PDB file of N, CA and C in Angstrom:
ATOM      1  N   MET A   1       1.139  -1.265  -0.356  1.00  0.00           N
ATOM      2  CA  MET A   1       0.018  -0.086   0.016  1.00  0.00           C
ATOM      3  C   MET A   1       1.039   1.140   0.509  1.00  0.00           C
ATOM      4  N   LYS A   2       0.456   2.419  -1.070  1.00  0.00           N
ATOM      5  CA  LYS A   2       1.032   3.697  -0.985  1.00  0.00           C
ATOM      6  C   LYS A   2       0.568   4.807  -1.454  1.00  0.00           C
ATOM      7  N   VAL A   3       0.987   5.627  -1.598  1.00  0.00           N
ATOM      8  CA  VAL A   3       0.476   7.207  -1.160  1.00  0.00           C
ATOM      9  C   VAL A   3       0.308   6.880  -3.041  1.00  0.00           C
ATOM     10  N   GLY A   4      -0.844   7.458  -3.427  1.00  0.00           N
ATOM     11  CA  GLY A   4      -2.115   7.449  -4.881  1.00  0.00           C
ATOM     12  C   GLY A   4      -2.674   6.382  -4.884  1.00  0.00           C
ATOM     13  N   ASP A   5      -2.872   5.488  -4.036  1.00  0.00           N
ATOM     14  CA  ASP A   5      -3.269   3.887  -4.060  1.00  0.00           C
ATOM     15  C   ASP A   5      -5.005   4.485  -3.207  1.00  0.00           C
ATOM     16  N   LEU A   6      -6.388   3.657  -4.686  1.00  0.00           N
ATOM     17  CA  LEU A   6      -7.757   4.012  -3.886  1.00  0.00           C
ATOM     18  C   LEU A   6      -7.906   2.352  -2.835  1.00  0.00           C
ATOM     19  N   VAL A   7      -8.048   2.916  -1.763  1.00  0.00           N
ATOM     20  CA  VAL A   7      -8.147   1.799  -0.671  1.00  0.00           C
ATOM     21  C   VAL A   7      -9.384   2.015   0.031  1.00  0.00           C
ATOM     22  N   GLU A   8     -10.156   0.882   0.424  1.00  0.00           N
ATOM     23  CA  GLU A   8     -11.205   1.019   1.076  1.00  0.00           C
ATOM     24  C   GLU A   8     -11.186   0.063   2.370  1.00  0.00           C
ATOM     25  N   LEU A   9     -12.361   0.345   3.604  1.00  0.00           N
ATOM     26  CA  LEU A   9     -11.754  -0.723   4.835  1.00  0.00           C
ATOM     27  C   LEU A   9     -12.202  -2.024   4.591  1.00  0.00           C
ATOM     28  N   LYS A  10     -10.921  -2.768   5.635  1.00  0.00           N
ATOM     29  CA  LYS A  10     -11.204  -4.074   4.888  1.00  0.00           C
ATOM     30  C   LYS A  10     -12.579  -4.775   5.348  1.00  0.00           C
ATOM     31  N   GLU A  11     -13.431  -4.031   6.264  1.00  0.00           N
ATOM     32  CA  GLU A  11     -15.214  -4.573   6.947  1.00  0.00           C
ATOM     33  C   GLU A  11     -15.709  -2.960   6.802  1.00  0.00           C
ATOM     34  N   GLY A  12     -16.599  -3.272   6.183  1.00  0.00           N
ATOM     35  CA  GLY A  12     -17.631  -2.724   6.248  1.00  0.00           C
ATOM     36  C   GLY A  12     -17.480  -1.847   5.071  1.00  0.00           C
ATOM     37  N   ALA A  13     -16.882  -2.097   4.175  1.00  0.00           N
ATOM     38  CA  ALA A  13     -16.065  -0.301   3.099  1.00  0.00           C
ATOM     39  C   ALA A  13     -17.427   0.011   2.444  1.00  0.00           C
ATOM     40  N   SER A  14     -17.882   0.740   2.621  1.00  0.00           N
ATOM     41  CA  SER A  14     -19.113   1.373   1.792  1.00  0.00           C
ATOM     42  C   SER A  14     -18.603   2.768   0.468  1.00  0.00           C
ATOM     43  N   ARG A  15     -17.169   3.469   0.452  1.00  0.00           N
ATOM     44  CA  ARG A  15     -16.594   4.049  -0.654  1.00  0.00           C
ATOM     45  C   ARG A  15     -15.111   3.916  -0.591  1.00  0.00           C
ATOM     46  N   VAL A  16     -14.977   4.266  -1.699  1.00  0.00           N
ATOM     47  CA  VAL A  16     -13.660   4.423  -1.986  1.00  0.00           C
ATOM     48  C   VAL A  16     -12.820   5.728  -1.699  1.00  0.00           C
ATOM     49  N   GLY A  17     -11.571   5.499  -1.540  1.00  0.00           N
ATOM     50  CA  GLY A  17     -10.614   6.937  -0.504  1.00  0.00           C
ATOM     51  C   GLY A  17      -9.396   6.519  -1.325  1.00  0.00           C
ATOM     52  N   LEU A  18      -8.708   7.409  -1.779  1.00  0.00           N
ATOM     53  CA  LEU A  18      -7.395   7.856  -2.110  1.00  0.00           C
ATOM     54  C   LEU A  18      -7.181   8.454  -0.919  1.00  0.00           C
ATOM     55  N   MET A  19      -5.613   7.346  -0.909  1.00  0.00           N
ATOM     56  CA  MET A  19      -4.242   7.788  -0.314  1.00  0.00           C
ATOM     57  C   MET A  19      -3.749   9.009  -0.708  1.00  0.00           C
ATOM     58  N   VAL A  20      -2.987   9.418   0.528  1.00  0.00           N
ATOM     59  CA  VAL A  20      -2.774  11.039   0.044  1.00  0.00           C
ATOM     60  C   VAL A  20      -1.317  11.413   1.296  1.00  0.00           C
ATOM     61  N   ASP A  21      -1.099  10.519   2.374  1.00  0.00           N
ATOM     62  CA  ASP A  21      -0.274  10.449   3.237  1.00  0.00           C
ATOM     63  C   ASP A  21       0.181   9.258   3.960  1.00  0.00           C
ATOM     64  N   VAL A  22       1.085   9.169   4.388  1.00  0.00           N
ATOM     65  CA  VAL A  22       1.056   8.148   5.937  1.00  0.00           C
ATOM     66  C   VAL A  22       1.995   8.616   6.976  1.00  0.00           C
ATOM     67  N   ILE A  23       1.048   8.787   7.815  1.00  0.00           N
ATOM     68  CA  ILE A  23       1.479   9.044   9.410  1.00  0.00           C
ATOM     69  C   ILE A  23       1.848   8.331  10.561  1.00  0.00           C
ATOM     70  N   HIS A  24       2.212   8.476  11.255  1.00  0.00           N
ATOM     71  CA  HIS A  24       2.409   7.579  12.169  1.00  0.00           C
ATOM     72  C   HIS A  24       1.428   7.958  13.435  1.00  0.00           C
ATOM     73  N   LYS A  25       1.001   7.413  14.285  1.00  0.00           N
ATOM     74  CA  LYS A  25       0.348   7.974  15.753  1.00  0.00           C
ATOM     75  C   LYS A  25      -0.380   6.484  16.408  1.00  0.00           C
ATOM     76  N   LYS A  26       0.151   6.762  17.620  1.00  0.00           N
ATOM     77  CA  LYS A  26      -0.917   5.599  18.334  1.00  0.00           C
ATOM     78  C   LYS A  26      -1.755   5.162  17.989  1.00  0.00           C
ATOM     79  N   CYS A  27      -2.483   4.184  18.914  1.00  0.00           N
ATOM     80  CA  CYS A  27      -3.291   3.946  18.132  1.00  0.00           C
ATOM     81  C   CYS A  27      -4.153   2.299  19.872  1.00  0.00           C
ATOM     82  N   TRP A  28      -5.058   3.058  20.389  1.00  0.00           N
ATOM     83  CA  TRP A  28      -4.875   2.061  21.901  1.00  0.00           C
ATOM     84  C   TRP A  28      -6.044   0.555  21.372  1.00  0.00           C
ATOM     85  N   ARG A  29      -5.600  -0.077  21.274  1.00  0.00           N
ATOM     86  CA  ARG A  29      -7.183  -1.344  21.020  1.00  0.00           C
ATOM     87  C   ARG A  29      -7.938  -1.926  22.140  1.00  0.00           C
ATOM     88  N   THR A  30      -8.481  -1.445  22.244  1.00  0.00           N
ATOM     89  CA  THR A  30      -9.363  -1.824  23.525  1.00  0.00           C
ATOM     90  C   THR A  30     -10.099  -3.587  23.711  1.00  0.00           C
ATOM     91  N   ASP A  31     -10.282  -4.041  22.053  1.00  0.00           N
ATOM     92  CA  ASP A  31     -10.497  -5.131  22.220  1.00  0.00           C
ATOM     93  C   ASP A  31      -9.529  -5.725  22.530  1.00  0.00           C
ATOM     94  N   THR A  32      -7.786  -6.030  22.327  1.00  0.00           N
ATOM     95  CA  THR A  32      -7.091  -6.749  22.827  1.00  0.00           C
ATOM     96  C   THR A  32      -5.886  -6.334  23.686  1.00  0.00           C
ATOM     97  N   LEU A  33      -5.929  -4.711  23.887  1.00  0.00           N
ATOM     98  CA  LEU A  33      -5.430  -4.366  25.013  1.00  0.00           C
ATOM     99  C   LEU A  33      -5.920  -4.140  26.422  1.00  0.00           C
ATOM    100  N   GLY A  34      -7.382  -4.083  25.980  1.00  0.00           N
ATOM    101  CA  GLY A  34      -7.973  -3.395  27.475  1.00  0.00           C
ATOM    102  C   GLY A  34      -8.682  -2.310  27.712  1.00  0.00           C
ATOM    103  N   ARG A  35      -9.480  -2.156  28.556  1.00  0.00           N
ATOM    104  CA  ARG A  35      -9.836  -0.874  29.119  1.00  0.00           C
ATOM    105  C   ARG A  35      -8.752   0.194  29.178  1.00  0.00           C
ATOM    106  N   LYS A  36      -8.208  -0.350  30.348  1.00  0.00           N
ATOM    107  CA  LYS A  36      -6.968   0.904  30.910  1.00  0.00           C
ATOM    108  C   LYS A  36      -6.015   1.287  29.907  1.00  0.00           C
ATOM    109  N   ILE A  37      -5.867   2.878  29.588  1.00  0.00           N
ATOM    110  CA  ILE A  37      -5.032   2.691  28.651  1.00  0.00           C
ATOM    111  C   ILE A  37      -4.110   3.565  29.353  1.00  0.00           C
ATOM    112  N   ASP A  38      -2.548   2.619  28.466  1.00  0.00           N
ATOM    113  CA  ASP A  38      -1.309   2.910  28.816  1.00  0.00           C
ATOM    114  C   ASP A  38      -0.338   3.481  27.640  1.00  0.00           C
ATOM    115  N   TRP A  39      -0.598   4.782  27.470  1.00  0.00           N
ATOM    116  CA  TRP A  39       0.739   4.931  25.955  1.00  0.00           C
ATOM    117  C   TRP A  39       1.724   4.931  25.996  1.00  0.00           C
ATOM    118  N   SER A  40       2.482   4.669  27.296  1.00  0.00           N
ATOM    119  CA  SER A  40       4.059   4.321  27.320  1.00  0.00           C
ATOM    120  C   SER A  40       4.083   2.855  26.923  1.00  0.00           C
ATOM    121  N   SER A  41       3.119   2.222  26.979  1.00  0.00           N
ATOM    122  CA  SER A  41       3.493   0.759  26.271  1.00  0.00           C
ATOM    123  C   SER A  41       3.229   0.091  25.393  1.00  0.00           C
ATOM    124  N   ILE A  42       2.581   1.359  23.874  1.00  0.00           N
ATOM    125  CA  ILE A  42       2.434   0.756  22.748  1.00  0.00           C
ATOM    126  C   ILE A  42       3.340   1.415  21.703  1.00  0.00           C
ATOM    127  N   GLU A  43       4.036   1.252  20.647  1.00  0.00           N
ATOM    128  CA  GLU A  43       4.464   1.955  20.109  1.00  0.00           C
ATOM    129  C   GLU A  43       3.407   2.845  18.600  1.00  0.00           C
ATOM    130  N   ALA A  44       3.785   3.543  17.896  1.00  0.00           N
ATOM    131  CA  ALA A  44       3.198   4.154  17.033  1.00  0.00           C
ATOM    132  C   ALA A  44       2.658   3.199  16.154  1.00  0.00           C
ATOM    133  N   GLU A  45       1.867   3.368  15.232  1.00  0.00           N
ATOM    134  CA  GLU A  45       1.410   2.539  14.094  1.00  0.00           C
ATOM    135  C   GLU A  45       1.600   3.370  12.879  1.00  0.00           C
ATOM    136  N   PRO A  46       1.902   2.987  11.174  1.00  0.00           N
ATOM    137  CA  PRO A  46       1.452   3.616  10.706  1.00  0.00           C
ATOM    138  C   PRO A  46      -0.172   3.793  10.094  1.00  0.00           C
ATOM    139  N   HIS A  47      -0.561   5.574  10.105  1.00  0.00           N
ATOM    140  CA  HIS A  47      -2.174   5.321   9.315  1.00  0.00           C
ATOM    141  C   HIS A  47      -2.090   5.934   8.171  1.00  0.00           C
ATOM    142  N   ALA A  48      -2.892   5.705   7.572  1.00  0.00           N
ATOM    143  CA  ALA A  48      -3.252   6.533   6.010  1.00  0.00           C
ATOM    144  C   ALA A  48      -4.032   7.408   5.787  1.00  0.00           C
ATOM    145  N   VAL A  49      -3.633   8.583   5.427  1.00  0.00           N
ATOM    146  CA  VAL A  49      -4.311  10.388   5.249  1.00  0.00           C
ATOM    147  C   VAL A  49      -5.208   9.827   4.278  1.00  0.00           C
ATOM    148  N   VAL A  50      -6.429   9.460   3.740  1.00  0.00           N
ATOM    149  CA  VAL A  50      -7.435   9.180   2.758  1.00  0.00           C
ATOM    150  C   VAL A  50      -8.459  10.156   2.780  1.00  0.00           C
ATOM    151  N   MET A  51      -8.292  10.687   1.611  1.00  0.00           N
ATOM    152  CA  MET A  51      -9.121  11.545   0.968  1.00  0.00           C
ATOM    153  C   MET A  51     -10.385  11.193   0.385  1.00  0.00           C
ATOM    154  N   TYR A  52     -11.188  11.740   1.136  1.00  0.00           N
ATOM    155  CA  TYR A  52     -13.147  11.498   0.404  1.00  0.00           C
ATOM    156  C   TYR A  52     -13.581  12.666  -0.294  1.00  0.00           C
ATOM    157  N   ASP A  53     -14.904  12.066  -0.691  1.00  0.00           N
ATOM    158  CA  ASP A  53     -14.796  14.132  -1.515  1.00  0.00           C
ATOM    159  C   ASP A  53     -16.031  14.960  -0.519  1.00  0.00           C
ATOM    160  N   ASP A  54     -15.264  14.286   0.728  1.00  0.00           N
ATOM    161  CA  ASP A  54     -15.987  15.709   1.528  1.00  0.00           C
ATOM    162  C   ASP A  54     -15.158  15.654   2.958  1.00  0.00           C
ATOM    163  N   GLY A  55     -13.616  15.465   2.673  1.00  0.00           N
ATOM    164  CA  GLY A  55     -12.447  15.403   3.153  1.00  0.00           C
ATOM    165  C   GLY A  55     -11.431  14.363   3.943  1.00  0.00           C
ATOM    166  N   LEU A  56     -10.501  14.829   4.959  1.00  0.00           N
ATOM    167  CA  LEU A  56      -9.578  13.938   5.016  1.00  0.00           C
ATOM    168  C   LEU A  56      -9.771  13.118   6.486  1.00  0.00           C
ATOM    169  N   ILE A  57      -9.540  11.846   6.531  1.00  0.00           N
ATOM    170  CA  ILE A  57      -9.362  11.315   7.760  1.00  0.00           C
ATOM    171  C   ILE A  57      -8.519   9.906   8.208  1.00  0.00           C
ATOM    172  N   ASN A  58      -8.093  10.124   9.152  1.00  0.00           N
ATOM    173  CA  ASN A  58      -6.511   9.225   9.356  1.00  0.00           C
ATOM    174  C   ASN A  58      -7.298   7.183   9.839  1.00  0.00           C
ATOM    175  N   ILE A  59      -6.761   6.719   9.573  1.00  0.00           N
ATOM    176  CA  ILE A  59      -7.267   5.802   9.151  1.00  0.00           C
ATOM    177  C   ILE A  59      -5.947   4.656   9.106  1.00  0.00           C
ATOM    178  N   PRO A  60      -5.902   3.813  10.562  1.00  0.00           N
ATOM    179  CA  PRO A  60      -4.606   2.724  10.660  1.00  0.00           C
ATOM    180  C   PRO A  60      -4.900   2.118   9.285  1.00  0.00           C
ATOM    181  N   ILE A  61      -3.407   1.358   8.981  1.00  0.00           N
ATOM    182  CA  ILE A  61      -3.155   0.689   7.614  1.00  0.00           C
ATOM    183  C   ILE A  61      -3.546  -0.418   7.460  1.00  0.00           C
ATOM    184  N   ILE A  62      -3.703  -1.082   9.073  1.00  0.00           N
ATOM    185  CA  ILE A  62      -3.978  -2.520   9.358  1.00  0.00           C
ATOM    186  C   ILE A  62      -5.265  -2.547   8.715  1.00  0.00           C
ATOM    187  N   ASP A  63      -6.272  -1.535   8.682  1.00  0.00           N
ATOM    188  CA  ASP A  63      -7.742  -1.693   8.618  1.00  0.00           C
ATOM    189  C   ASP A  63      -8.147  -1.284   7.376  1.00  0.00           C
ATOM    190  N   LEU A  64      -6.895  -1.170   6.389  1.00  0.00           N
ATOM    191  CA  LEU A  64      -7.078  -1.065   5.230  1.00  0.00           C
ATOM    192  C   LEU A  64      -6.952  -1.690   4.277  1.00  0.00           C
ATOM    193  N   ARG A  65      -7.399  -2.086   2.996  1.00  0.00           N
ATOM    194  CA  ARG A  65      -7.188  -3.109   1.666  1.00  0.00           C
ATOM    195  C   ARG A  65      -6.981  -1.607   0.015  1.00  0.00           C
ATOM    196  N   VAL A  66      -6.378  -2.402  -0.070  1.00  0.00           N
ATOM    197  CA  VAL A  66      -6.181  -1.880  -1.509  1.00  0.00           C
ATOM    198  C   VAL A  66      -7.173  -2.095  -2.657  1.00  0.00           C
ATOM    199  N   CYS A  67      -8.092  -1.328  -2.848  1.00  0.00           N
ATOM    200  CA  CYS A  67      -9.118  -1.129  -4.249  1.00  0.00           C
ATOM    201  C   CYS A  67      -8.702  -2.156  -4.917  1.00  0.00           C
ATOM    202  N   ASP A  68      -9.465  -3.429  -5.664  1.00  0.00           N
ATOM    203  CA  ASP A  68      -9.238  -3.505  -7.033  1.00  0.00           C
ATOM    204  C   ASP A  68     -10.067  -3.529  -8.237  1.00  0.00           C
ATOM    205  N   GLU A  69     -10.602  -2.373  -7.481  1.00  0.00           N
ATOM    206  CA  GLU A  69     -11.661  -2.042  -9.023  1.00  0.00           C
ATOM    207  C   GLU A  69     -11.379  -0.093  -8.973  1.00  0.00           C
ATOM    208  N   HIS A  70     -10.954   0.153 -10.262  1.00  0.00           N
ATOM    209  CA  HIS A  70     -10.844   1.781 -10.063  1.00  0.00           C
ATOM    210  C   HIS A  70     -11.973   2.284 -10.816  1.00  0.00           C
ATOM    211  N   LEU A  71     -12.196   3.343 -10.711  1.00  0.00           N
ATOM    212  CA  LEU A  71     -13.764   4.169 -10.914  1.00  0.00           C
ATOM    213  C   LEU A  71     -13.353   4.832 -12.420  1.00  0.00           C
TER     214      LEU A  71
END
């Protein structure tokens, strides 16, 4: 996955966006790490900056897939 790819969510994909940048930030996953947050215990992970027709959103890359269909 790289900047310029068309991407969609792995689950619940209802629209396609354009990946315009990659940033690193921390993401606490309560389903695996629990409810008590300890930011010092995790590392930053890559997030895609995805452009949709109504703006930009940061999404963890692990939650995205490259779209096979080109619009």
